[in-house]
Amino acid sequence: MIGAGSQAWAGWLPTQREELNLTSRASFERYFGGRRADALLCEHVWEHLTLEEGEAAAQVCFDFLTPGGFLRCAVPDAHFPDAEYQRAVQVGGPGPADHPAADHRIVYDAALFRSIFEAAGFEVELLEYCDEQGRFHYHGWDVSTGPVYRSLMLDHRNRDGRIGFVSIILDARRPG
C-alpha cells in the first residue's frame, strides 16, 4: 500500500512517503532492491501529485511490478455530481492548511486518469467512475484482491441506495 496513511488491510504492507515515495525512483530502488511487486494499492494519493509527477509515478510503478502484476489506484472523481464533494476535493482543498485536500494538485476525470497509466504501458480497466454526465459506473470487482475504502462497497457514506462518496478506481496491469 503506497501512501497508506492510517489504513491497514490484511495481507497488505502499508507504506508512507518516507519509505516509498511515488516521486522518487530511488526510494523504490531502496525499498524493492532487485525484487518486484505482484500488486500495489494506492488510494487517494495521486491527486497530491502534479500531472507530470503522476505520469512519472505511473512509469515507476510499471517498472517495479512483475509482468502480469497490477496497481489498483483510486482518486477523487471530477464528474461526481455533488457540489459539497467537489468543494472538498478541489485543487487546494477547503479550509485550513492541515485539511487532507489542502495540497491536492489535480482532480482527475476517468479518461485523463486512465491515460496516464496507458502512456506508461499499462493495460487499464476502470472499476468505478462517473462519466461526463455524472452517471456512476460500477464494474464488479473483487475487494479481496485490493480493498479501496472510498468505494461503492466499503465507504460508510454509500448506504441505503444512496451514493454519498465515489472514487475513480482502476486496475492498471503490467502486460505479462
Foldseek 3Di string as FASTA:
>chain_A
DECQVPDDDPPDDDDHCVQPNLQDLVSVCVNQVPAAAQEAEEEADLQLDALVSSLSSLLSNLVRHDAQGKYKYKHAAPLAPDVVSCQQQDQCGDDDCPRPNNRGNDHDHLVSNVVSNVVSPWDKDWAWHADNNNDIDHDDDDCVVPNHCQDCPHDPLNDDPDNDGHIGIMMTHRHD
